[in-house]
């Protein structure tokens, strides 16, 4: 296939940035989207131009490092990560627009690379459990109902890619935050910090300048791991319970 790319180019955080058009020829439909960008970058390097900067790591849909907006959709036309999107999803002659995540909490570092350190700081605020020292407990000493274990596992599949933020009209990171709160809140090991965790993580979410959640649902629609929207409902229940408990005390 022959593809026309419109790529966001931005030299640094303070640069205004612009869209630049490139032609990429002989693109195999079996290439991943990132492999197609590799081909473009090889061409640019041979021509003495600056290659397009973009995030990637495992390229197996696991790490959450990759992520761009493709034709206005986070990760592109398929519900998967950018690295697992293949060029067979496009047609010969297509013009494809590629942009970084757009959110105040995700400032652009260069080209398609954004700083997602805000997610790390939300985790640091409460995404952990206490780990008492001493002899390890026996296996299965703490039974977990299967429904709770399944719910925790589903939430734990969040890879922190940021597609939920990019898709949300409010640039809210609430689906990410809710996934972390739900993951730990459904397990016995997460109970000691449960009330403090949700308050601290939501406060950090707001401090990072993410937008508020208005239950539009775009976040869950684009999530490559299928995190359900009702995890946000669980976060809200935990938050309300924590605030009510603290006031009653």
Protein backbone atom coordinates (compact mmCIF):
# COMPACT_ATOMS: atom_id res chain seq x y z
CA UNK A 1 0.00 0.00 0.00
CA UNK A 2 0.96 3.62 -0.45
CA UNK A 3 -0.01 5.75 2.53
CA UNK A 4 -0.03 9.49 3.19
CA UNK A 5 0.70 10.39 6.81
CA UNK A 6 -0.10 13.66 8.53
CA UNK A 7 2.07 13.55 11.64
CA UNK A 8 2.24 15.98 14.55
CA UNK A 9 5.81 17.32 14.85
CA UNK A 10 6.86 19.25 17.94
CA UNK A 11 10.50 19.82 18.87
CA UNK A 12 9.86 20.19 22.59
CA UNK A 13 7.34 21.14 25.29
CA UNK A 14 7.62 24.84 24.50
CA UNK A 15 7.44 24.48 20.71
CA UNK A 16 4.15 25.39 19.04
CA UNK A 17 4.11 22.24 16.89
CA UNK A 18 2.58 21.58 13.48
CA UNK A 19 1.26 18.85 11.19
CA UNK A 20 3.73 17.56 8.60
CA UNK A 21 2.78 15.40 5.60
CA UNK A 22 4.85 12.35 4.58
CA UNK A 23 4.47 9.66 1.91
CA UNK A 24 5.15 6.04 2.87
CA UNK A 25 5.30 3.55 0.00
CA UNK A 26 5.20 -0.24 -0.26
CA UNK A 27 3.55 -0.71 3.13
CA UNK A 28 2.68 -4.33 3.85
CA UNK A 29 -0.74 -5.00 5.31
CA UNK A 30 1.00 -7.35 7.77
CA UNK A 31 3.04 -4.51 9.29
CA UNK A 32 2.00 -3.15 12.65
CA UNK A 33 1.33 0.57 12.81
CA UNK A 34 4.60 1.09 14.69
CA UNK A 35 6.52 -0.90 12.09
CA UNK A 36 5.10 1.44 9.48
CA UNK A 37 6.40 4.38 11.54
CA UNK A 38 9.78 2.60 11.69
CA UNK A 39 9.81 2.53 7.87
CA UNK A 40 9.02 6.24 7.79
CA UNK A 41 11.81 6.98 10.25
CA UNK A 42 14.36 4.96 8.27
CA UNK A 43 13.41 7.02 5.22
CA UNK A 44 13.73 10.29 7.16
CA UNK A 45 17.14 9.32 8.56
CA UNK A 46 18.45 8.43 5.10
CA UNK A 47 17.24 11.83 3.88
CA UNK A 48 19.03 13.58 6.74
CA UNK A 49 15.82 14.57 8.52
CA UNK A 50 14.84 14.20 12.17
CA UNK A 51 12.90 10.94 12.78
CA UNK A 52 9.47 11.03 14.39
CA UNK A 53 9.67 10.41 18.14
CA UNK A 54 7.08 7.99 19.53
CA UNK A 55 6.76 5.81 22.62
CA UNK A 56 7.09 2.03 22.42
CA UNK A 57 8.57 -0.86 24.37
CA UNK A 58 7.28 -4.45 24.34
CA UNK A 59 5.21 -4.10 21.13
CA UNK A 60 3.05 -6.96 22.42
CA UNK A 61 0.13 -4.98 23.84
CA UNK A 62 1.26 -5.54 27.42
CA UNK A 63 3.37 -2.64 28.69
CA UNK A 64 1.17 0.35 27.85
CA UNK A 65 4.07 2.43 26.57
CA UNK A 66 2.75 3.03 23.06
CA UNK A 67 -0.20 5.20 22.27
CA UNK A 68 -1.16 7.79 19.67
CA UNK A 69 -4.38 9.26 18.32
CA UNK A 70 -5.00 7.90 14.82
CA UNK A 71 -7.62 9.66 12.71
CA UNK A 72 -9.14 11.10 15.87
CA UNK A 73 -9.36 7.78 17.73
CA UNK A 74 -7.14 6.70 20.61
CA UNK A 75 -5.05 3.74 19.34
CA UNK A 76 -6.88 3.88 16.00
CA UNK A 77 -9.86 2.12 14.42
CA UNK A 78 -9.51 -1.17 16.33
CA UNK A 79 -9.95 -1.72 20.08
CA UNK A 80 -6.33 -2.61 20.75
CA UNK A 81 -3.01 -0.96 21.51
CA UNK A 82 -1.21 0.98 18.79
CA UNK A 83 1.51 -1.66 18.58
CA UNK A 84 -1.09 -4.37 17.90
CA UNK A 85 -2.89 -2.34 15.25
CA UNK A 86 -1.96 -3.63 11.78
CA UNK A 87 -1.98 -1.87 8.46
CA UNK A 88 -4.63 -4.26 7.15
CA UNK A 89 -7.05 -1.97 8.98
CA UNK A 90 -6.28 0.69 6.36
CA UNK A 91 -6.52 0.85 2.57
CA UNK A 92 -4.19 1.77 -0.25
CA UNK A 93 -4.18 5.52 -0.79
CA UNK A 94 -5.45 6.38 2.69
CA UNK A 95 -4.43 9.61 4.40
CA UNK A 96 -3.85 8.92 8.10
CA UNK A 97 -3.56 11.62 10.76
CA UNK A 98 -1.33 10.79 13.73
CA UNK A 99 -1.27 12.91 16.88
CA UNK A 100 -0.14 12.53 20.51
CA UNK A 101 -2.48 12.11 23.47
CA UNK A 102 -4.13 15.49 24.06
CA UNK A 103 -4.52 16.34 27.76
CA UNK A 104 -3.19 18.99 30.11
CA UNK A 105 -2.03 16.20 32.42
CA UNK A 106 -0.05 14.62 29.52
CA UNK A 107 2.25 17.42 28.27
CA UNK A 108 3.99 16.73 24.96
CA UNK A 109 7.71 16.03 25.32
CA UNK A 110 8.48 15.67 21.61
CA UNK A 111 6.40 14.80 18.54
CA UNK A 112 4.15 11.90 19.60
CA UNK A 113 5.77 11.38 23.02
CA UNK A 114 3.91 12.65 26.08
CA UNK A 115 4.78 12.69 29.78
CA UNK A 116 2.49 10.24 31.58
CA UNK A 117 4.20 10.72 34.93
CA UNK A 118 0.86 11.90 36.32
CA UNK A 119 -0.30 8.26 36.28
CA UNK A 120 2.77 7.27 38.30
CA UNK A 121 2.00 9.92 40.90
CA UNK A 122 -1.59 8.68 41.24
CA UNK A 123 -0.21 5.19 41.93
CA UNK A 124 2.27 6.60 44.46
CA UNK A 125 -0.59 8.32 46.26
CA UNK A 126 -2.30 5.06 47.18
CA UNK A 127 -1.91 2.23 44.69
CA UNK A 128 -0.24 -0.17 47.07
CA UNK A 129 -0.92 -2.55 49.97
CA UNK A 130 0.84 -2.89 53.31
CA UNK A 131 3.29 -5.79 53.48
CA UNK A 132 3.88 -6.93 57.09
CA UNK A 133 7.27 -8.48 57.66
CA UNK A 134 7.69 -11.94 59.12
CA UNK A 135 6.84 -15.43 58.01
CA UNK A 136 4.87 -15.65 54.77
CA UNK A 137 1.29 -16.84 55.30
CA UNK A 138 0.32 -20.29 54.06
CA UNK A 139 -1.12 -20.50 50.60
CA UNK A 140 -4.90 -20.04 50.55
CA UNK A 141 -4.89 -18.93 54.18
CA UNK A 142 -6.93 -15.92 53.12
CA UNK A 143 -9.86 -17.12 50.97
CA UNK A 144 -11.08 -14.78 48.25
CA UNK A 145 -14.54 -15.29 46.72
CA UNK A 146 -14.24 -16.08 43.03
CA UNK A 147 -16.44 -13.17 41.99
CA UNK A 148 -14.17 -10.77 43.91
CA UNK A 149 -11.03 -12.37 42.49
CA UNK A 150 -12.40 -12.12 38.95
CA UNK A 151 -13.36 -8.49 39.47
CA UNK A 152 -9.91 -7.67 40.85
CA UNK A 153 -8.23 -9.48 37.97
CA UNK A 154 -10.29 -7.64 35.36
CA UNK A 155 -9.34 -4.28 36.89
CA UNK A 156 -5.70 -5.31 37.22
CA UNK A 157 -5.39 -5.78 33.46
CA UNK A 158 -5.18 -1.98 33.07
CA UNK A 159 -1.80 -1.21 31.47
CA UNK A 160 -1.87 2.54 32.03
CA UNK A 161 -1.59 3.44 28.36
CA UNK A 162 -3.68 6.60 28.73
CA UNK A 163 -6.16 5.94 25.91
CA UNK A 164 -9.00 6.61 28.35
CA UNK A 165 -7.68 10.13 28.92
CA UNK A 166 -7.12 10.78 25.22
CA UNK A 167 -10.65 9.65 24.32
CA UNK A 168 -12.46 11.51 27.09
CA UNK A 169 -13.86 14.93 26.08
CA UNK A 170 -12.95 16.10 29.59
CA UNK A 171 -9.47 14.48 29.55
CA UNK A 172 -10.40 12.60 32.71
CA UNK A 173 -8.18 9.86 34.11
CA UNK A 174 -10.94 8.40 36.24
CA UNK A 175 -11.11 4.99 34.51
CA UNK A 176 -7.40 4.46 35.19
CA UNK A 177 -7.76 5.58 38.82
CA UNK A 178 -10.88 3.47 39.30
CA UNK A 179 -9.16 0.38 37.88
CA UNK A 180 -6.36 0.70 40.45
CA UNK A 181 -8.79 1.37 43.31
CA UNK A 182 -11.02 -1.56 42.31
CA UNK A 183 -8.12 -3.95 41.78
CA UNK A 184 -6.86 -3.51 45.33
CA UNK A 185 -10.23 -2.85 46.96
CA UNK A 186 -11.62 -6.24 45.96
CA UNK A 187 -8.85 -8.17 47.70
CA UNK A 188 -8.41 -8.83 51.45
CA UNK A 189 -4.85 -7.53 51.27
CA UNK A 190 -6.16 -4.15 50.13
CA UNK A 191 -8.60 -3.53 52.96
CA UNK A 192 -6.36 -1.80 55.58
CA UNK A 193 -5.75 1.19 53.27
CA UNK A 194 -9.05 1.03 51.38
CA UNK A 195 -10.64 4.21 52.72
CA UNK A 196 -7.46 6.28 52.68
CA UNK A 197 -6.44 4.92 49.26
CA UNK A 198 -9.45 6.14 47.32
CA UNK A 199 -9.33 9.63 48.85
CA UNK A 200 -5.59 10.04 48.25
CA UNK A 201 -5.71 8.75 44.67
CA UNK A 202 -8.71 10.89 43.69
CA UNK A 203 -7.08 13.95 45.27
CA UNK A 204 -3.90 13.27 43.29
CA UNK A 205 -5.94 12.75 40.11
CA UNK A 206 -7.46 16.19 40.55
CA UNK A 207 -4.12 17.77 41.48
CA UNK A 208 -2.67 16.54 38.17
CA UNK A 209 -5.24 18.62 36.25
CA UNK A 210 -7.20 15.73 34.81
CA UNK A 211 -10.77 16.65 33.96
CA UNK A 212 -13.82 15.50 35.85
CA UNK A 213 -15.77 12.37 34.89
CA UNK A 214 -19.24 12.94 33.43
CA UNK A 215 -19.94 9.27 32.57
CA UNK A 216 -19.77 9.70 28.80
CA UNK A 217 -18.16 6.27 28.43
CA UNK A 218 -15.62 7.00 25.70
CA UNK A 219 -12.88 5.77 28.06
CA UNK A 220 -14.29 2.25 28.31
CA UNK A 221 -15.08 2.18 24.58
CA UNK A 222 -11.41 2.61 23.59
CA UNK A 223 -9.75 0.75 26.47
CA UNK A 224 -7.60 -2.00 24.89
CA UNK A 225 -8.03 -4.17 27.98
CA UNK A 226 -11.78 -3.75 28.30
CA UNK A 227 -11.85 -2.14 31.74
CA UNK A 228 -15.61 -1.78 32.42
CA UNK A 229 -17.15 1.61 33.04
CA UNK A 230 -18.72 0.47 36.31
CA UNK A 231 -15.31 0.44 37.98
CA UNK A 232 -15.85 4.21 38.22
CA UNK A 233 -19.11 3.52 40.06
CA UNK A 234 -17.18 1.36 42.52
CA UNK A 235 -14.64 4.15 43.03
CA UNK A 236 -17.49 6.58 43.71
CA UNK A 237 -19.02 4.20 46.27
CA UNK A 238 -15.68 3.76 48.01
CA UNK A 239 -15.06 7.52 47.97
CA UNK A 240 -18.50 8.33 49.36
CA UNK A 241 -18.13 5.66 52.04
CA UNK A 242 -14.70 6.95 53.03
CA UNK A 243 -15.82 10.58 53.24
CA UNK A 244 -18.97 9.65 55.17
CA UNK A 245 -16.95 7.52 57.57
CA UNK A 246 -14.38 10.25 58.23
CA UNK A 247 -17.11 12.84 58.90
CA UNK A 248 -18.98 10.57 61.30
CA UNK A 249 -15.80 10.10 63.28
